[in-house]
Amino acid sequence: MTMNSSLERKITELAWRDSTFSALIETDPYRALAQIGVEVPEGVKLDVRRQRRDTLYYVIPPHSGDADKSESVINQMDLWQSAELFVWIMPQKLKVQLLAMRQSYRRNNSNGST
């Protein structure tokens, strides 16, 4: 693992190689992320899933609640690709929070540890 690796890559590699971290990221992702120097912004909910090869995952975006905008669901949740490795589906506000988490990871691991 190099110092310049992404947060997403670090989480994935640890989950693959460290059984303790793997269990923790699924049961208490906040604590698992804190162990690697990630500061999760207040109010951000985490839902970590271990992908299975035999399962198709489908995320249903939230309904706007506005009947006039019910046809524009695509605007409520955006696809966001990260370094050609991970695709996120999230609202704009959470994109900013993810960037903050990445920055805390880089800041807290700039000495090459973890």
N, C-alpha and C. Protein backbone atom coordinates (compact mmCIF):
# COMPACT_ATOMS: atom_id res chain seq x y z
N MET A 1 0.85 -1.18 0.00
CA MET A 1 0.00 0.00 0.00
C MET A 1 0.88 1.23 0.00
N THR A 2 0.70 2.06 -0.98
CA THR A 2 1.50 3.27 -1.06
C THR A 2 0.81 4.41 -0.34
N MET A 3 1.58 5.41 -0.01
CA MET A 3 1.04 6.57 0.69
C MET A 3 -0.01 7.27 -0.16
N ASN A 4 0.10 7.22 -1.48
CA ASN A 4 -0.81 7.93 -2.37
C ASN A 4 -2.07 7.14 -2.71
N SER A 5 -2.27 5.98 -2.11
CA SER A 5 -3.44 5.19 -2.45
C SER A 5 -4.72 5.88 -2.01
N SER A 6 -5.78 5.55 -2.71
CA SER A 6 -7.06 6.18 -2.41
C SER A 6 -7.69 5.55 -1.17
N LEU A 7 -8.59 6.30 -0.58
CA LEU A 7 -9.34 5.80 0.57
C LEU A 7 -10.09 4.53 0.21
N GLU A 8 -10.76 4.53 -0.92
CA GLU A 8 -11.54 3.38 -1.33
C GLU A 8 -10.66 2.14 -1.52
N ARG A 9 -9.49 2.33 -2.12
CA ARG A 9 -8.57 1.21 -2.32
C ARG A 9 -8.07 0.68 -0.98
N LYS A 10 -7.75 1.58 -0.06
CA LYS A 10 -7.27 1.17 1.26
C LYS A 10 -8.34 0.34 1.98
N ILE A 11 -9.58 0.81 1.97
CA ILE A 11 -10.66 0.07 2.63
C ILE A 11 -10.81 -1.31 2.01
N THR A 12 -10.81 -1.37 0.68
CA THR A 12 -10.97 -2.65 -0.01
C THR A 12 -9.83 -3.60 0.30
N GLU A 13 -8.60 -3.13 0.19
CA GLU A 13 -7.46 -4.00 0.45
C GLU A 13 -7.42 -4.48 1.89
N LEU A 14 -7.75 -3.61 2.84
CA LEU A 14 -7.79 -4.05 4.24
C LEU A 14 -8.89 -5.09 4.45
N ALA A 15 -10.05 -4.88 3.83
CA ALA A 15 -11.14 -5.85 3.98
C ALA A 15 -10.77 -7.21 3.38
N TRP A 16 -9.98 -7.20 2.32
CA TRP A 16 -9.55 -8.46 1.71
C TRP A 16 -8.48 -9.17 2.54
N ARG A 17 -7.60 -8.41 3.17
CA ARG A 17 -6.41 -8.99 3.80
C ARG A 17 -6.43 -9.08 5.31
N ASP A 18 -7.28 -8.32 5.97
CA ASP A 18 -7.29 -8.25 7.43
C ASP A 18 -8.67 -8.67 7.93
N SER A 19 -8.77 -9.87 8.46
CA SER A 19 -10.09 -10.39 8.86
C SER A 19 -10.72 -9.57 9.99
N THR A 20 -9.92 -9.00 10.86
CA THR A 20 -10.46 -8.16 11.93
C THR A 20 -11.07 -6.89 11.35
N PHE A 21 -10.35 -6.22 10.47
CA PHE A 21 -10.87 -5.02 9.82
C PHE A 21 -12.10 -5.37 8.98
N SER A 22 -12.05 -6.50 8.28
CA SER A 22 -13.15 -6.93 7.43
C SER A 22 -14.45 -7.07 8.23
N ALA A 23 -14.36 -7.68 9.38
CA ALA A 23 -15.54 -7.84 10.23
C ALA A 23 -16.00 -6.49 10.77
N LEU A 24 -15.05 -5.66 11.17
CA LEU A 24 -15.38 -4.37 11.77
C LEU A 24 -16.02 -3.41 10.76
N ILE A 25 -15.54 -3.40 9.52
CA ILE A 25 -16.09 -2.46 8.53
C ILE A 25 -17.56 -2.77 8.25
N GLU A 26 -17.96 -4.02 8.44
CA GLU A 26 -19.36 -4.38 8.22
C GLU A 26 -20.22 -4.17 9.47
N THR A 27 -19.65 -4.33 10.66
CA THR A 27 -20.43 -4.21 11.88
C THR A 27 -20.37 -2.81 12.50
N ASP A 28 -19.25 -2.13 12.36
CA ASP A 28 -19.09 -0.78 12.92
C ASP A 28 -18.18 0.03 12.00
N PRO A 29 -18.71 0.45 10.83
CA PRO A 29 -17.87 1.13 9.85
C PRO A 29 -17.26 2.44 10.38
N TYR A 30 -17.93 3.12 11.28
CA TYR A 30 -17.40 4.37 11.84
C TYR A 30 -16.09 4.11 12.59
N ARG A 31 -16.09 3.07 13.41
CA ARG A 31 -14.89 2.72 14.16
C ARG A 31 -13.79 2.20 13.24
N ALA A 32 -14.17 1.40 12.25
CA ALA A 32 -13.19 0.88 11.31
C ALA A 32 -12.50 2.02 10.56
N LEU A 33 -13.28 2.98 10.10
CA LEU A 33 -12.71 4.10 9.36
C LEU A 33 -11.86 4.98 10.27
N ALA A 34 -12.28 5.16 11.50
CA ALA A 34 -11.48 5.94 12.45
C ALA A 34 -10.11 5.31 12.64
N GLN A 35 -10.05 3.98 12.62
CA GLN A 35 -8.77 3.28 12.80
C GLN A 35 -7.77 3.59 11.69
N ILE A 36 -8.27 3.97 10.52
CA ILE A 36 -7.35 4.28 9.42
C ILE A 36 -7.28 5.78 9.16
N GLY A 37 -7.74 6.58 10.13
CA GLY A 37 -7.57 8.02 10.04
C GLY A 37 -8.64 8.76 9.26
N VAL A 38 -9.82 8.16 9.12
CA VAL A 38 -10.90 8.82 8.39
C VAL A 38 -11.86 9.46 9.39
N GLU A 39 -12.11 10.74 9.19
CA GLU A 39 -13.06 11.47 10.00
C GLU A 39 -14.38 11.52 9.24
N VAL A 40 -15.38 10.81 9.73
CA VAL A 40 -16.68 10.79 9.07
C VAL A 40 -17.45 12.03 9.54
N PRO A 41 -17.86 12.89 8.61
CA PRO A 41 -18.60 14.10 8.98
C PRO A 41 -19.88 13.76 9.75
N GLU A 42 -20.22 14.60 10.70
CA GLU A 42 -21.43 14.40 11.49
C GLU A 42 -22.65 14.33 10.57
N GLY A 43 -23.53 13.41 10.87
CA GLY A 43 -24.76 13.26 10.10
C GLY A 43 -24.66 12.33 8.91
N VAL A 44 -23.44 11.87 8.57
CA VAL A 44 -23.28 10.95 7.44
C VAL A 44 -23.54 9.53 7.92
N LYS A 45 -24.48 8.86 7.26
CA LYS A 45 -24.79 7.47 7.58
C LYS A 45 -23.99 6.58 6.63
N LEU A 46 -23.45 5.50 7.16
CA LEU A 46 -22.67 4.57 6.36
C LEU A 46 -23.40 3.23 6.26
N ASP A 47 -23.42 2.66 5.09
CA ASP A 47 -24.01 1.35 4.85
C ASP A 47 -23.01 0.57 4.01
N VAL A 48 -22.22 -0.27 4.65
CA VAL A 48 -21.17 -1.02 3.96
C VAL A 48 -21.70 -2.41 3.64
N ARG A 49 -21.57 -2.78 2.39
CA ARG A 49 -22.02 -4.11 1.93
C ARG A 49 -20.85 -4.83 1.28
N ARG A 50 -20.71 -6.09 1.58
CA ARG A 50 -19.71 -6.91 0.90
C ARG A 50 -20.38 -7.42 -0.38
N GLN A 51 -19.83 -7.03 -1.50
CA GLN A 51 -20.41 -7.43 -2.78
C GLN A 51 -20.23 -8.93 -2.98
N ARG A 52 -21.28 -9.54 -3.51
CA ARG A 52 -21.25 -10.96 -3.84
C ARG A 52 -21.28 -11.12 -5.35
N ARG A 53 -20.62 -12.13 -5.84
CA ARG A 53 -20.57 -12.34 -7.29
C ARG A 53 -21.91 -12.79 -7.87
N ASP A 54 -22.80 -13.33 -7.03
CA ASP A 54 -24.07 -13.84 -7.53
C ASP A 54 -25.25 -12.90 -7.23
N THR A 55 -24.95 -11.64 -6.91
CA THR A 55 -26.01 -10.70 -6.51
C THR A 55 -25.94 -9.42 -7.34
N LEU A 56 -27.09 -9.00 -7.83
CA LEU A 56 -27.22 -7.73 -8.51
C LEU A 56 -27.75 -6.74 -7.48
N TYR A 57 -27.09 -5.61 -7.34
CA TYR A 57 -27.49 -4.60 -6.38
C TYR A 57 -28.19 -3.47 -7.11
N TYR A 58 -29.30 -3.05 -6.56
CA TYR A 58 -30.07 -1.97 -7.16
C TYR A 58 -30.39 -0.97 -6.06
N VAL A 59 -30.06 0.28 -6.29
CA VAL A 59 -30.31 1.33 -5.31
C VAL A 59 -31.48 2.16 -5.82
N ILE A 60 -32.50 2.28 -4.99
CA ILE A 60 -33.67 3.07 -5.34
C ILE A 60 -33.47 4.46 -4.76
N PRO A 61 -33.42 5.48 -5.61
CA PRO A 61 -33.21 6.84 -5.11
C PRO A 61 -34.42 7.33 -4.32
N PRO A 62 -34.21 8.29 -3.43
CA PRO A 62 -35.34 8.81 -2.65
C PRO A 62 -36.32 9.56 -3.54
N HIS A 63 -37.59 9.50 -3.19
CA HIS A 63 -38.62 10.22 -3.92
C HIS A 63 -38.58 11.68 -3.50
N SER A 64 -38.76 12.57 -4.45
CA SER A 64 -38.66 14.00 -4.14
C SER A 64 -39.80 14.49 -3.26
N GLY A 65 -40.94 13.81 -3.30
CA GLY A 65 -42.09 14.27 -2.53
C GLY A 65 -42.85 15.38 -3.23
N ASP A 66 -42.28 15.88 -4.32
CA ASP A 66 -42.90 16.96 -5.09
C ASP A 66 -43.48 16.34 -6.35
N ALA A 67 -44.81 16.33 -6.46
CA ALA A 67 -45.48 15.70 -7.60
C ALA A 67 -45.02 16.29 -8.93
N ASP A 68 -44.70 17.58 -8.95
CA ASP A 68 -44.26 18.22 -10.19
C ASP A 68 -42.89 17.73 -10.64
N LYS A 69 -42.11 17.21 -9.72
CA LYS A 69 -40.75 16.77 -10.05
C LYS A 69 -40.62 15.25 -10.06
N SER A 70 -41.72 14.53 -9.98
CA SER A 70 -41.66 13.07 -9.87
C SER A 70 -41.04 12.40 -11.08
N GLU A 71 -41.01 13.07 -12.22
CA GLU A 71 -40.42 12.50 -13.43
C GLU A 71 -38.91 12.73 -13.50
N SER A 72 -38.35 13.54 -12.61
CA SER A 72 -36.93 13.89 -12.68
C SER A 72 -36.10 13.20 -11.61
N VAL A 73 -36.39 11.92 -11.37
CA VAL A 73 -35.70 11.16 -10.34
C VAL A 73 -34.19 11.15 -10.56
N ILE A 74 -33.76 11.13 -11.80
CA ILE A 74 -32.32 11.05 -12.09
C ILE A 74 -31.55 12.21 -11.47
N ASN A 75 -32.20 13.34 -11.25
CA ASN A 75 -31.53 14.49 -10.66
C ASN A 75 -31.36 14.39 -9.15
N GLN A 76 -32.06 13.47 -8.53
CA GLN A 76 -31.98 13.35 -7.08
C GLN A 76 -30.71 12.61 -6.64
N MET A 77 -30.30 11.66 -7.41
CA MET A 77 -29.10 10.89 -7.09
C MET A 77 -28.23 10.88 -8.34
N ASP A 78 -26.98 11.15 -8.18
CA ASP A 78 -26.08 11.21 -9.32
C ASP A 78 -25.08 10.07 -9.28
N LEU A 79 -24.70 9.59 -10.45
CA LEU A 79 -23.60 8.64 -10.54
C LEU A 79 -22.31 9.44 -10.48
N TRP A 80 -21.36 8.95 -9.74
CA TRP A 80 -20.09 9.64 -9.60
C TRP A 80 -18.99 8.60 -9.63
N GLN A 81 -18.14 8.66 -10.62
CA GLN A 81 -17.06 7.69 -10.76
C GLN A 81 -15.82 8.22 -10.08
N SER A 82 -15.09 7.34 -9.44
CA SER A 82 -13.91 7.72 -8.69
C SER A 82 -12.72 6.91 -9.18
N ALA A 83 -11.79 7.56 -9.84
CA ALA A 83 -10.54 6.94 -10.28
C ALA A 83 -10.75 5.66 -11.07
N GLU A 84 -11.84 5.57 -11.79
CA GLU A 84 -12.16 4.41 -12.62
C GLU A 84 -12.20 3.10 -11.85
N LEU A 85 -12.32 3.18 -10.52
CA LEU A 85 -12.36 1.97 -9.71
C LEU A 85 -13.69 1.78 -9.01
N PHE A 86 -14.28 2.86 -8.57
CA PHE A 86 -15.49 2.78 -7.77
C PHE A 86 -16.55 3.69 -8.36
N VAL A 87 -17.78 3.24 -8.37
CA VAL A 87 -18.88 4.08 -8.81
C VAL A 87 -19.80 4.27 -7.61
N TRP A 88 -20.05 5.51 -7.32
CA TRP A 88 -20.90 5.87 -6.19
C TRP A 88 -22.22 6.38 -6.73
N ILE A 89 -23.30 6.11 -6.01
CA ILE A 89 -24.59 6.69 -6.30
C ILE A 89 -24.98 7.46 -5.04
N MET A 90 -25.01 8.77 -5.16
CA MET A 90 -25.26 9.58 -3.97
C MET A 90 -25.74 10.97 -4.33
N PRO A 91 -26.42 11.61 -3.39
CA PRO A 91 -26.80 13.00 -3.64
C PRO A 91 -25.59 13.92 -3.55
N GLN A 92 -25.71 15.09 -4.12
CA GLN A 92 -24.60 16.05 -4.18
C GLN A 92 -24.00 16.33 -2.80
N LYS A 93 -24.83 16.51 -1.78
CA LYS A 93 -24.33 16.83 -0.44
C LYS A 93 -23.36 15.75 0.07
N LEU A 94 -23.68 14.49 -0.20
CA LEU A 94 -22.81 13.41 0.26
C LEU A 94 -21.52 13.34 -0.54
N LYS A 95 -21.51 13.83 -1.78
CA LYS A 95 -20.26 13.89 -2.53
C LYS A 95 -19.27 14.78 -1.80
N VAL A 96 -19.75 15.90 -1.31
CA VAL A 96 -18.90 16.82 -0.56
C VAL A 96 -18.40 16.15 0.72
N GLN A 97 -19.26 15.40 1.38
CA GLN A 97 -18.86 14.70 2.61
C GLN A 97 -17.82 13.62 2.32
N LEU A 98 -17.99 12.90 1.21
CA LEU A 98 -17.00 11.88 0.83
C LEU A 98 -15.66 12.54 0.55
N LEU A 99 -15.67 13.67 -0.12
CA LEU A 99 -14.41 14.39 -0.36
C LEU A 99 -13.75 14.77 0.96
N ALA A 100 -14.53 15.19 1.93
CA ALA A 100 -13.99 15.53 3.26
C ALA A 100 -13.39 14.29 3.93
N MET A 101 -14.03 13.14 3.78
CA MET A 101 -13.49 11.90 4.35
C MET A 101 -12.17 11.53 3.69
N ARG A 102 -12.12 11.68 2.35
CA ARG A 102 -10.86 11.39 1.64
C ARG A 102 -9.75 12.33 2.11
N GLN A 103 -10.09 13.60 2.28
CA GLN A 103 -9.09 14.57 2.74
C GLN A 103 -8.59 14.22 4.14
N SER A 104 -9.48 13.80 5.03
CA SER A 104 -9.04 13.43 6.38
C SER A 104 -8.15 12.20 6.32
N TYR A 105 -8.48 11.25 5.45
CA TYR A 105 -7.64 10.06 5.29
C TYR A 105 -6.24 10.45 4.82
N ARG A 106 -6.16 11.29 3.79
CA ARG A 106 -4.85 11.71 3.28
C ARG A 106 -4.08 12.49 4.33
N ARG A 107 -4.77 13.41 5.01
CA ARG A 107 -4.12 14.24 6.02
C ARG A 107 -3.59 13.38 7.17
N ASN A 108 -4.38 12.42 7.62
CA ASN A 108 -4.00 11.60 8.77
C ASN A 108 -3.03 10.47 8.41
N ASN A 109 -2.80 10.26 7.14
CA ASN A 109 -1.88 9.19 6.70
C ASN A 109 -0.76 9.72 5.84
N SER A 110 -0.51 11.01 5.90
CA SER A 110 0.52 11.61 5.05
C SER A 110 1.93 11.17 5.42
N ASN A 111 2.10 10.57 6.59
CA ASN A 111 3.43 10.12 6.98
C ASN A 111 3.76 8.73 6.44
N GLY A 112 2.82 8.14 5.68
CA GLY A 112 3.09 6.83 5.07
C GLY A 112 2.67 5.66 5.93
N SER A 113 2.08 5.89 7.11
CA SER A 113 1.65 4.79 7.97
C SER A 113 0.33 4.26 7.48
N THR A 114 -0.10 3.12 8.04
CA THR A 114 -1.30 2.34 7.72
C THR A 114 -1.20 1.60 6.44
